[in-house]
């Protein structure tokens, strides 16, 4: 009995983290600020994630020029990518954590023709829209188009109509037999 209690206590102490994944760079659950930037900068290569169905490539220590002169205060890199998705002329966004706030950042939107620059200070994360999309979770996936099956349909309709006529004839004949059986039964009782 003591062994079972010990195992139970160990299970409570060392609970697995299944389903408790750390927020990714473009996760809406990200806390923002420098922890969000750290989630974006796990390696030197470009990473990809989707925001509202649009796939973004992101890379740390880069930013885009040809940006709007107006910046947006946002909570995290996800909100910055979302601002870009909501702006029809946006093709990329530059996001960096705000120095004075631990949970926010600034987002500059870049239009077509932007220039990607290296950031020697290591403050920026560049978010670039791709032309690729993924289904949004709230939307049902679009089924693939049906193949042209008009020929098969044209062949199947006459065959189905012929089978229906045969079935109607069988049902009529069965009704006739049932009536005859009823007549025979009635005649025996007389």
N, C-alpha and C. Protein backbone atom coordinates (compact mmCIF):
# COMPACT_ATOMS: atom_id res chain seq x y z
N UNK A 1 0.83 -1.19 0.00
CA UNK A 1 0.00 0.00 0.00
C UNK A 1 0.87 1.25 0.00
N UNK A 2 1.95 1.22 0.77
CA UNK A 2 2.84 2.38 0.83
C UNK A 2 3.48 2.64 -0.52
N UNK A 3 3.73 1.59 -1.28
CA UNK A 3 4.33 1.75 -2.61
C UNK A 3 3.38 2.49 -3.53
N UNK A 4 2.11 2.17 -3.50
CA UNK A 4 1.13 2.85 -4.35
C UNK A 4 1.04 4.33 -4.00
N UNK A 5 1.06 4.63 -2.71
CA UNK A 5 1.00 6.03 -2.28
C UNK A 5 2.25 6.77 -2.75
N UNK A 6 3.39 6.11 -2.67
CA UNK A 6 4.64 6.73 -3.12
C UNK A 6 4.61 7.02 -4.60
N UNK A 7 4.10 6.06 -5.39
CA UNK A 7 4.02 6.26 -6.83
C UNK A 7 3.04 7.40 -7.15
N UNK A 8 1.94 7.45 -6.43
CA UNK A 8 0.96 8.51 -6.64
C UNK A 8 1.58 9.88 -6.34
N UNK A 9 2.31 9.98 -5.25
CA UNK A 9 2.96 11.26 -4.90
C UNK A 9 3.99 11.65 -5.94
N UNK A 10 4.77 10.68 -6.42
CA UNK A 10 5.75 10.99 -7.47
C UNK A 10 5.05 11.46 -8.74
N UNK A 11 3.92 10.86 -9.08
CA UNK A 11 3.17 11.27 -10.27
C UNK A 11 2.67 12.70 -10.13
N UNK A 12 2.28 13.08 -8.94
CA UNK A 12 1.83 14.46 -8.72
C UNK A 12 2.98 15.45 -8.83
N UNK A 13 4.13 15.06 -8.32
CA UNK A 13 5.28 15.95 -8.33
C UNK A 13 5.85 16.11 -9.73
N UNK A 14 5.96 14.99 -10.45
CA UNK A 14 6.58 15.00 -11.78
C UNK A 14 5.53 14.82 -12.87
N UNK A 15 4.56 15.72 -12.90
CA UNK A 15 3.53 15.63 -13.93
C UNK A 15 4.13 15.99 -15.28
N UNK A 16 3.79 15.24 -16.32
CA UNK A 16 4.33 15.55 -17.64
C UNK A 16 3.76 16.85 -18.16
N UNK A 17 4.48 17.44 -19.08
CA UNK A 17 4.08 18.73 -19.64
C UNK A 17 3.37 18.56 -20.97
N UNK A 18 2.72 17.41 -21.20
CA UNK A 18 1.99 17.22 -22.45
C UNK A 18 0.95 18.29 -22.61
N UNK A 19 0.91 18.89 -23.80
CA UNK A 19 -0.08 19.92 -24.07
C UNK A 19 0.26 21.26 -23.45
N UNK A 20 1.39 21.34 -22.73
CA UNK A 20 1.78 22.59 -22.10
C UNK A 20 3.01 23.15 -22.80
N UNK A 21 2.99 23.16 -24.11
CA UNK A 21 4.12 23.65 -24.87
C UNK A 21 4.32 25.14 -24.64
N UNK A 22 5.58 25.55 -24.68
CA UNK A 22 5.89 26.97 -24.54
C UNK A 22 5.38 27.70 -25.77
N UNK A 23 4.93 28.94 -25.59
CA UNK A 23 4.46 29.71 -26.76
C UNK A 23 5.58 29.86 -27.79
N UNK A 24 5.19 29.79 -29.05
CA UNK A 24 6.15 29.98 -30.14
C UNK A 24 6.25 31.46 -30.46
N UNK A 25 7.05 31.80 -31.42
CA UNK A 25 7.25 33.20 -31.79
C UNK A 25 5.94 33.89 -32.14
N UNK A 26 5.16 33.27 -33.01
CA UNK A 26 3.93 33.91 -33.48
C UNK A 26 2.69 33.31 -32.81
N UNK A 27 2.85 32.91 -31.58
CA UNK A 27 1.73 32.37 -30.80
C UNK A 27 0.95 33.51 -30.16
N UNK A 28 -0.39 33.50 -30.26
CA UNK A 28 -1.18 34.54 -29.59
C UNK A 28 -1.05 34.46 -28.07
N UNK A 29 -0.59 33.30 -27.56
CA UNK A 29 -0.45 33.13 -26.11
C UNK A 29 0.88 33.68 -25.59
N UNK A 30 1.71 34.20 -26.46
CA UNK A 30 3.01 34.71 -26.03
C UNK A 30 2.84 35.89 -25.08
N UNK A 31 3.72 35.96 -24.09
CA UNK A 31 3.66 37.07 -23.13
C UNK A 31 4.20 38.35 -23.72
N UNK A 32 4.93 38.27 -24.80
CA UNK A 32 5.48 39.47 -25.41
C UNK A 32 6.83 39.84 -24.82
N UNK A 33 7.31 41.00 -25.20
CA UNK A 33 8.59 41.48 -24.69
C UNK A 33 9.75 40.57 -25.05
N UNK A 34 10.78 40.63 -24.21
CA UNK A 34 12.00 39.85 -24.49
C UNK A 34 11.77 38.33 -24.46
N UNK A 35 10.89 37.79 -23.60
CA UNK A 35 10.64 36.34 -23.70
C UNK A 35 10.07 35.95 -25.07
N UNK A 36 9.25 36.80 -25.66
CA UNK A 36 8.71 36.52 -26.99
C UNK A 36 9.83 36.56 -28.02
N UNK A 37 10.73 37.54 -27.92
CA UNK A 37 11.85 37.61 -28.85
C UNK A 37 12.72 36.37 -28.72
N UNK A 38 12.94 35.90 -27.49
CA UNK A 38 13.74 34.69 -27.29
C UNK A 38 13.08 33.49 -27.97
N UNK A 39 11.74 33.41 -27.93
CA UNK A 39 11.03 32.32 -28.60
C UNK A 39 11.19 32.41 -30.11
N UNK A 40 11.34 33.63 -30.63
CA UNK A 40 11.53 33.83 -32.07
C UNK A 40 12.95 33.49 -32.49
N UNK A 41 13.89 33.64 -31.60
CA UNK A 41 15.31 33.55 -31.95
C UNK A 41 15.95 32.28 -31.42
N UNK A 42 15.38 31.15 -31.74
CA UNK A 42 15.93 29.87 -31.28
C UNK A 42 17.11 29.43 -32.12
N UNK A 43 17.28 30.01 -33.27
CA UNK A 43 18.39 29.65 -34.14
C UNK A 43 18.61 30.73 -35.19
N UNK A 44 19.65 30.59 -35.99
CA UNK A 44 19.97 31.63 -36.98
C UNK A 44 19.14 31.53 -38.26
N UNK A 45 18.45 30.43 -38.45
CA UNK A 45 17.72 30.21 -39.70
C UNK A 45 16.33 30.85 -39.65
N UNK A 46 15.76 31.00 -40.83
CA UNK A 46 14.37 31.49 -40.93
C UNK A 46 13.43 30.39 -40.44
N UNK A 47 12.43 30.81 -39.72
CA UNK A 47 11.39 29.91 -39.24
C UNK A 47 10.08 30.30 -39.92
N UNK A 48 9.09 29.43 -39.83
CA UNK A 48 7.78 29.73 -40.42
C UNK A 48 6.67 29.39 -39.44
N UNK A 49 5.66 30.26 -39.40
CA UNK A 49 4.44 30.02 -38.64
C UNK A 49 3.31 30.75 -39.35
N UNK A 50 2.09 30.34 -39.07
CA UNK A 50 0.92 30.96 -39.70
C UNK A 50 0.22 31.88 -38.70
N UNK A 51 -0.27 33.01 -39.22
CA UNK A 51 -1.10 33.94 -38.47
C UNK A 51 -2.32 34.23 -39.33
N UNK A 52 -3.49 33.92 -38.82
CA UNK A 52 -4.74 34.11 -39.56
C UNK A 52 -4.71 33.48 -40.94
N UNK A 53 -4.08 32.32 -41.04
CA UNK A 53 -4.05 31.59 -42.30
C UNK A 53 -2.92 31.97 -43.24
N UNK A 54 -2.19 33.04 -42.95
CA UNK A 54 -1.08 33.48 -43.80
C UNK A 54 0.22 32.97 -43.17
N UNK A 55 1.05 32.33 -43.98
CA UNK A 55 2.33 31.83 -43.47
C UNK A 55 3.34 32.97 -43.50
N UNK A 56 3.98 33.19 -42.36
CA UNK A 56 5.04 34.19 -42.23
C UNK A 56 6.37 33.48 -42.03
N UNK A 57 7.40 34.02 -42.67
CA UNK A 57 8.77 33.63 -42.37
C UNK A 57 9.32 34.69 -41.43
N UNK A 58 10.04 34.27 -40.40
CA UNK A 58 10.64 35.26 -39.52
C UNK A 58 12.10 34.91 -39.26
N UNK A 59 12.87 35.96 -39.06
CA UNK A 59 14.30 35.81 -38.79
C UNK A 59 14.71 36.92 -37.83
N UNK A 60 15.54 36.55 -36.91
CA UNK A 60 16.01 37.52 -35.91
C UNK A 60 17.17 38.35 -36.46
N UNK A 61 17.36 39.47 -35.80
CA UNK A 61 18.47 40.38 -36.11
C UNK A 61 18.39 40.92 -37.54
N UNK A 62 17.16 41.10 -38.02
CA UNK A 62 16.89 41.70 -39.32
C UNK A 62 15.68 42.62 -39.18
N UNK A 63 15.59 43.60 -40.07
CA UNK A 63 14.43 44.49 -40.09
C UNK A 63 14.22 44.95 -41.53
N UNK A 64 13.07 45.55 -41.79
CA UNK A 64 12.73 46.00 -43.13
C UNK A 64 12.73 47.52 -43.18
N UNK A 65 13.25 48.07 -44.27
CA UNK A 65 13.11 49.50 -44.51
C UNK A 65 11.99 49.69 -45.53
N UNK A 66 11.65 50.93 -45.79
CA UNK A 66 10.49 51.28 -46.58
C UNK A 66 9.24 51.01 -45.75
N UNK A 67 9.31 51.45 -44.51
CA UNK A 67 8.22 51.20 -43.57
C UNK A 67 7.34 52.43 -43.43
N UNK A 68 6.19 52.22 -42.82
CA UNK A 68 5.35 53.35 -42.45
C UNK A 68 6.10 54.18 -41.43
N UNK A 69 5.83 55.47 -41.41
CA UNK A 69 6.45 56.31 -40.39
C UNK A 69 5.72 56.15 -39.06
N UNK A 70 4.56 55.53 -39.08
CA UNK A 70 3.80 55.31 -37.86
C UNK A 70 4.05 53.89 -37.39
N UNK A 71 4.36 53.76 -36.14
CA UNK A 71 4.53 52.42 -35.57
C UNK A 71 3.31 52.08 -34.73
N UNK A 72 3.19 50.81 -34.43
CA UNK A 72 2.09 50.33 -33.60
C UNK A 72 2.68 49.74 -32.32
N UNK A 73 2.11 50.10 -31.18
CA UNK A 73 2.45 49.42 -29.94
C UNK A 73 1.65 48.13 -29.91
N UNK A 74 2.33 47.02 -29.79
CA UNK A 74 1.67 45.71 -29.78
C UNK A 74 2.21 44.90 -28.60
N UNK A 75 1.50 43.86 -28.27
CA UNK A 75 1.91 43.01 -27.15
C UNK A 75 3.05 42.08 -27.50
N UNK A 76 3.01 41.53 -28.73
CA UNK A 76 3.98 40.50 -29.09
C UNK A 76 4.15 40.43 -30.61
N UNK A 77 5.00 39.53 -31.07
CA UNK A 77 5.26 39.39 -32.51
C UNK A 77 4.01 38.92 -33.25
N UNK A 78 3.19 38.12 -32.59
CA UNK A 78 1.93 37.68 -33.21
C UNK A 78 1.06 38.88 -33.54
N UNK A 79 0.89 39.81 -32.59
CA UNK A 79 0.06 40.99 -32.85
C UNK A 79 0.64 41.85 -33.97
N UNK A 80 1.96 41.87 -34.08
CA UNK A 80 2.60 42.62 -35.16
C UNK A 80 2.27 41.97 -36.51
N UNK A 81 2.39 40.65 -36.59
CA UNK A 81 2.05 39.95 -37.83
C UNK A 81 0.57 40.12 -38.14
N UNK A 82 -0.26 40.12 -37.12
CA UNK A 82 -1.70 40.30 -37.32
C UNK A 82 -1.99 41.69 -37.90
N UNK A 83 -1.29 42.73 -37.40
CA UNK A 83 -1.44 44.09 -37.95
C UNK A 83 -1.08 44.09 -39.43
N UNK A 84 -0.02 43.36 -39.78
CA UNK A 84 0.39 43.28 -41.18
C UNK A 84 -0.69 42.57 -42.00
N UNK A 85 -1.23 41.48 -41.47
CA UNK A 85 -2.28 40.74 -42.18
C UNK A 85 -3.52 41.60 -42.41
N UNK A 86 -3.81 42.48 -41.47
CA UNK A 86 -5.00 43.32 -41.56
C UNK A 86 -4.81 44.52 -42.47
N UNK A 87 -3.57 44.79 -42.89
CA UNK A 87 -3.27 45.94 -43.76
C UNK A 87 -2.98 45.41 -45.16
N UNK A 88 -3.81 45.75 -46.10
CA UNK A 88 -3.73 45.15 -47.44
C UNK A 88 -2.41 45.41 -48.15
N UNK A 89 -1.75 46.52 -47.86
CA UNK A 89 -0.50 46.85 -48.56
C UNK A 89 0.74 46.34 -47.84
N UNK A 90 0.58 45.74 -46.68
CA UNK A 90 1.72 45.27 -45.90
C UNK A 90 2.28 43.97 -46.48
N UNK A 91 3.60 43.90 -46.58
CA UNK A 91 4.28 42.69 -47.06
C UNK A 91 5.24 42.14 -46.01
N UNK A 92 5.61 42.97 -45.03
CA UNK A 92 6.52 42.53 -43.97
C UNK A 92 6.34 43.46 -42.78
N UNK A 93 6.81 43.00 -41.64
CA UNK A 93 6.75 43.83 -40.44
C UNK A 93 8.03 43.64 -39.65
N UNK A 94 8.47 44.69 -39.00
CA UNK A 94 9.63 44.63 -38.11
C UNK A 94 9.13 44.83 -36.70
N UNK A 95 9.49 43.90 -35.81
CA UNK A 95 9.04 43.96 -34.42
C UNK A 95 10.23 43.89 -33.49
N UNK A 96 10.16 44.70 -32.43
CA UNK A 96 11.18 44.59 -31.39
C UNK A 96 10.53 44.85 -30.04
N UNK A 97 11.02 44.18 -29.01
CA UNK A 97 10.47 44.41 -27.68
C UNK A 97 10.76 45.84 -27.24
N UNK A 98 9.83 46.40 -26.49
CA UNK A 98 10.03 47.74 -25.95
C UNK A 98 10.95 47.65 -24.75
N UNK A 99 11.94 48.52 -24.73
CA UNK A 99 12.94 48.47 -23.66
C UNK A 99 12.32 48.75 -22.29
N UNK A 100 11.45 49.74 -22.20
CA UNK A 100 10.91 50.13 -20.91
C UNK A 100 9.80 49.24 -20.39
N UNK A 101 9.24 48.39 -21.25
CA UNK A 101 8.13 47.52 -20.84
C UNK A 101 8.52 46.06 -21.02
N UNK A 102 8.26 45.24 -20.03
CA UNK A 102 8.65 43.84 -20.17
C UNK A 102 7.71 43.00 -21.03
N UNK A 103 6.53 43.55 -21.36
CA UNK A 103 5.55 42.72 -22.05
C UNK A 103 5.03 43.31 -23.35
N UNK A 104 5.73 44.19 -23.98
CA UNK A 104 5.23 44.80 -25.20
C UNK A 104 6.30 44.95 -26.24
N UNK A 105 5.94 45.61 -27.33
CA UNK A 105 6.89 45.84 -28.39
C UNK A 105 6.35 46.84 -29.39
N UNK A 106 7.21 47.20 -30.34
CA UNK A 106 6.83 48.12 -31.41
C UNK A 106 6.88 47.40 -32.73
N UNK A 107 5.93 47.77 -33.58
CA UNK A 107 5.75 47.09 -34.86
C UNK A 107 5.72 48.13 -35.97
N UNK A 108 6.61 47.99 -36.94
CA UNK A 108 6.65 48.86 -38.11
C UNK A 108 6.26 48.01 -39.32
N UNK A 109 5.33 48.50 -40.12
CA UNK A 109 4.86 47.76 -41.29
C UNK A 109 5.63 48.19 -42.53
N UNK A 110 5.94 47.24 -43.40
CA UNK A 110 6.67 47.51 -44.64
C UNK A 110 5.80 47.11 -45.83
N UNK A 111 5.85 47.91 -46.86
CA UNK A 111 5.05 47.66 -48.06
C UNK A 111 5.88 46.89 -49.09
N UNK A 112 5.28 46.63 -50.24
CA UNK A 112 6.00 45.94 -51.32
C UNK A 112 7.26 46.72 -51.66
N UNK A 113 8.30 46.00 -52.02
CA UNK A 113 9.56 46.64 -52.37
C UNK A 113 10.42 46.95 -51.16
N UNK A 114 10.09 46.42 -50.01
CA UNK A 114 10.90 46.68 -48.81
C UNK A 114 12.29 46.08 -48.97
N UNK A 115 13.20 46.59 -48.21
CA UNK A 115 14.57 46.10 -48.23
C UNK A 115 14.87 45.47 -46.87
N UNK A 116 15.39 44.25 -46.90
CA UNK A 116 15.75 43.55 -45.67
C UNK A 116 17.16 43.96 -45.26
N UNK A 117 17.29 44.41 -44.02
CA UNK A 117 18.58 44.85 -43.50
C UNK A 117 18.97 44.01 -42.29
N UNK A 118 20.27 43.83 -42.14
CA UNK A 118 20.79 43.14 -40.96
C UNK A 118 20.80 44.11 -39.79
N UNK A 119 20.50 43.63 -38.60
CA UNK A 119 20.45 44.45 -37.40
C UNK A 119 21.67 44.13 -36.53
N UNK A 120 22.69 44.99 -36.55
CA UNK A 120 23.90 44.69 -35.77
C UNK A 120 23.66 44.72 -34.26
N UNK A 121 22.61 45.40 -33.82
CA UNK A 121 22.34 45.48 -32.38
C UNK A 121 21.54 44.27 -31.88
N UNK A 122 20.98 43.50 -32.78
CA UNK A 122 20.24 42.30 -32.39
C UNK A 122 18.93 42.57 -31.69
N UNK A 123 18.25 43.66 -32.04
CA UNK A 123 17.00 44.01 -31.38
C UNK A 123 15.75 43.59 -32.14
N UNK A 124 15.84 43.46 -33.46
CA UNK A 124 14.66 43.32 -34.31
C UNK A 124 14.38 41.87 -34.71
N UNK A 125 13.10 41.62 -35.01
CA UNK A 125 12.66 40.37 -35.64
C UNK A 125 11.90 40.78 -36.89
N UNK A 126 12.32 40.26 -38.04
CA UNK A 126 11.66 40.55 -39.31
C UNK A 126 10.62 39.47 -39.58
N UNK A 127 9.39 39.90 -39.87
CA UNK A 127 8.27 39.01 -40.18
C UNK A 127 7.85 39.25 -41.63
N UNK A 128 8.05 38.28 -42.49
CA UNK A 128 7.76 38.46 -43.92
C UNK A 128 6.59 37.57 -44.33
N UNK A 129 5.57 38.20 -44.93
CA UNK A 129 4.43 37.43 -45.45
C UNK A 129 4.88 36.61 -46.63
N UNK A 130 4.41 35.37 -46.70
CA UNK A 130 4.62 34.57 -47.90
C UNK A 130 3.30 34.56 -48.67
N UNK A 131 3.33 34.01 -49.85
CA UNK A 131 2.08 33.91 -50.61
C UNK A 131 1.36 32.59 -50.32
N UNK A 132 1.88 31.85 -49.34
CA UNK A 132 1.27 30.57 -48.97
C UNK A 132 0.30 30.76 -47.80
N UNK A 133 -0.72 29.93 -47.78
CA UNK A 133 -1.73 30.01 -46.72
C UNK A 133 -2.01 28.61 -46.17
N UNK A 134 -2.63 28.59 -45.02
CA UNK A 134 -3.12 27.36 -44.40
C UNK A 134 -4.55 27.62 -43.97
N UNK A 135 -5.37 26.57 -43.85
CA UNK A 135 -6.74 26.79 -43.38
C UNK A 135 -6.74 27.35 -41.96
N UNK A 136 -7.61 28.29 -41.72
CA UNK A 136 -7.78 28.84 -40.38
C UNK A 136 -8.62 27.85 -39.60
N UNK A 137 -8.31 27.65 -38.33
CA UNK A 137 -8.97 26.63 -37.52
C UNK A 137 -10.49 26.80 -37.50
N UNK A 138 -10.98 28.00 -37.52
CA UNK A 138 -12.42 28.20 -37.43
C UNK A 138 -13.13 27.98 -38.77
N UNK A 139 -12.39 27.86 -39.84
CA UNK A 139 -12.98 27.66 -41.15
C UNK A 139 -12.85 26.20 -41.56
N UNK A 140 -13.92 25.60 -42.11
CA UNK A 140 -13.79 24.22 -42.58
C UNK A 140 -12.89 24.19 -43.81
N UNK A 141 -12.12 23.14 -43.98
CA UNK A 141 -11.27 23.07 -45.17
C UNK A 141 -12.13 22.99 -46.44
N UNK A 142 -11.62 23.57 -47.49
CA UNK A 142 -12.33 23.57 -48.77
C UNK A 142 -12.08 22.22 -49.44
N UNK A 143 -13.15 21.48 -49.76
CA UNK A 143 -12.93 20.17 -50.39
C UNK A 143 -12.37 20.33 -51.79
N UNK A 144 -11.62 19.34 -52.24
CA UNK A 144 -11.08 19.42 -53.60
C UNK A 144 -12.23 19.36 -54.61
N UNK A 145 -12.03 19.96 -55.78
CA UNK A 145 -13.10 19.93 -56.78
C UNK A 145 -13.38 18.49 -57.23
N UNK A 146 -14.64 18.22 -57.52
CA UNK A 146 -15.02 16.89 -57.98
C UNK A 146 -14.54 16.69 -59.41
N UNK A 147 -14.18 15.45 -59.71
CA UNK A 147 -13.75 15.18 -61.08
C UNK A 147 -14.99 15.21 -61.98
N UNK A 148 -14.74 15.37 -63.26
CA UNK A 148 -15.85 15.41 -64.21
C UNK A 148 -16.44 14.02 -64.33
N UNK A 149 -17.62 13.82 -63.76
CA UNK A 149 -18.24 12.49 -63.76
C UNK A 149 -19.58 12.52 -64.49
N UNK A 150 -19.76 13.44 -65.39
CA UNK A 150 -21.02 13.54 -66.12
C UNK A 150 -21.29 12.29 -66.95
N UNK A 151 -20.24 11.70 -67.56
CA UNK A 151 -20.42 10.50 -68.37
C UNK A 151 -20.97 9.35 -67.53
N UNK A 152 -20.37 9.15 -66.34
CA UNK A 152 -20.83 8.09 -65.46
C UNK A 152 -22.27 8.35 -65.02
N UNK A 153 -22.60 9.60 -64.75
CA UNK A 153 -23.95 9.96 -64.34
C UNK A 153 -24.94 9.68 -65.46
N UNK A 154 -24.58 10.06 -66.69
CA UNK A 154 -25.46 9.83 -67.85
C UNK A 154 -25.73 8.33 -68.05
N UNK A 155 -24.74 7.48 -67.76
CA UNK A 155 -24.92 6.04 -67.90
C UNK A 155 -25.75 5.47 -66.76
N UNK A 156 -25.60 6.02 -65.58
CA UNK A 156 -26.27 5.47 -64.39
C UNK A 156 -27.75 5.80 -64.35
N UNK A 157 -28.18 6.94 -64.86
CA UNK A 157 -29.58 7.36 -64.76
C UNK A 157 -30.51 6.40 -65.50
N UNK A 158 -30.28 6.04 -66.77
CA UNK A 158 -31.20 5.09 -67.44
C UNK A 158 -31.24 3.73 -66.74
N UNK A 159 -30.09 3.27 -66.26
CA UNK A 159 -30.06 1.98 -65.56
C UNK A 159 -30.90 2.04 -64.29
N UNK A 160 -30.81 3.15 -63.55
CA UNK A 160 -31.60 3.31 -62.33
C UNK A 160 -33.09 3.39 -62.65
N UNK A 161 -33.44 4.09 -63.73
CA UNK A 161 -34.84 4.19 -64.12
C UNK A 161 -35.39 2.82 -64.51
N UNK A 162 -34.60 2.01 -65.23
CA UNK A 162 -35.02 0.67 -65.62
C UNK A 162 -35.22 -0.21 -64.38
N UNK A 163 -34.31 -0.11 -63.41
CA UNK A 163 -34.45 -0.87 -62.17
C UNK A 163 -35.69 -0.43 -61.40
N UNK A 164 -36.00 0.85 -61.44
CA UNK A 164 -37.19 1.36 -60.75
C UNK A 164 -38.46 0.79 -61.39
N UNK A 165 -38.49 0.72 -62.72
CA UNK A 165 -39.65 0.16 -63.41
C UNK A 165 -39.83 -1.32 -63.05
N UNK A 166 -38.71 -2.07 -63.01
CA UNK A 166 -38.78 -3.48 -62.63
C UNK A 166 -39.29 -3.64 -61.21
N UNK A 167 -38.82 -2.79 -60.31
CA UNK A 167 -39.26 -2.84 -58.92
C UNK A 167 -40.75 -2.52 -58.81
N UNK A 168 -41.22 -1.53 -59.57
CA UNK A 168 -42.65 -1.21 -59.57
C UNK A 168 -43.48 -2.40 -60.06
N UNK A 169 -43.02 -3.10 -61.09
CA UNK A 169 -43.72 -4.27 -61.61
C UNK A 169 -43.75 -5.39 -60.58
N UNK A 170 -42.62 -5.61 -59.89
CA UNK A 170 -42.57 -6.64 -58.85
C UNK A 170 -43.53 -6.30 -57.72
N UNK A 171 -43.56 -5.04 -57.31
CA UNK A 171 -44.47 -4.62 -56.23
C UNK A 171 -45.93 -4.79 -56.65
N UNK A 172 -46.25 -4.48 -57.92
CA UNK A 172 -47.62 -4.65 -58.43
C UNK A 172 -48.01 -6.13 -58.42
N UNK A 173 -47.09 -6.96 -58.87
CA UNK A 173 -47.37 -8.39 -58.91
C UNK A 173 -47.55 -8.96 -57.49
N UNK A 174 -46.75 -8.46 -56.54
CA UNK A 174 -46.88 -8.91 -55.16
C UNK A 174 -48.24 -8.50 -54.59
N UNK A 175 -48.71 -7.31 -54.91
CA UNK A 175 -50.04 -6.87 -54.46
C UNK A 175 -51.12 -7.79 -55.03
N UNK A 176 -50.98 -8.16 -56.32
CA UNK A 176 -51.95 -9.05 -56.95
C UNK A 176 -51.97 -10.40 -56.23
N UNK A 177 -50.78 -10.95 -55.92
CA UNK A 177 -50.70 -12.23 -55.22
C UNK A 177 -51.31 -12.13 -53.82
N UNK A 178 -51.04 -11.02 -53.12
CA UNK A 178 -51.61 -10.83 -51.78
C UNK A 178 -53.14 -10.79 -51.84
N UNK A 179 -53.69 -10.13 -52.86
CA UNK A 179 -55.14 -10.08 -53.01
C UNK A 179 -55.71 -11.48 -53.29
N UNK A 180 -55.05 -12.26 -54.14
CA UNK A 180 -55.49 -13.62 -54.43
C UNK A 180 -55.44 -14.49 -53.18
N UNK A 181 -54.34 -14.34 -52.39
CA UNK A 181 -54.25 -15.10 -51.15
C UNK A 181 -55.39 -14.73 -50.21
N UNK A 182 -55.72 -13.46 -50.14
CA UNK A 182 -56.82 -13.01 -49.27
C UNK A 182 -58.14 -13.59 -49.75
N UNK A 183 -58.35 -13.66 -51.07
CA UNK A 183 -59.57 -14.25 -51.62
C UNK A 183 -59.67 -15.72 -51.26
N UNK A 184 -58.54 -16.44 -51.34
CA UNK A 184 -58.55 -17.87 -51.03
C UNK A 184 -58.89 -18.08 -49.56
N UNK A 185 -58.30 -17.30 -48.69
CA UNK A 185 -58.57 -17.42 -47.25
C UNK A 185 -60.03 -17.11 -46.98
N UNK A 186 -60.58 -16.10 -47.59
CA UNK A 186 -61.98 -15.73 -47.39
C UNK A 186 -62.93 -16.80 -47.90
N UNK A 187 -62.58 -17.48 -48.99
CA UNK A 187 -63.42 -18.51 -49.56
C UNK A 187 -63.48 -19.73 -48.65
N UNK A 188 -62.42 -20.07 -47.96
CA UNK A 188 -62.38 -21.23 -47.08
C UNK A 188 -63.24 -21.00 -45.85
N UNK A 189 -63.43 -19.77 -45.44
CA UNK A 189 -64.21 -19.48 -44.24
C UNK A 189 -65.70 -19.41 -44.54
N UNK A 190 -66.08 -19.52 -45.73
CA UNK A 190 -67.51 -19.40 -46.08
C UNK A 190 -68.21 -20.70 -45.89
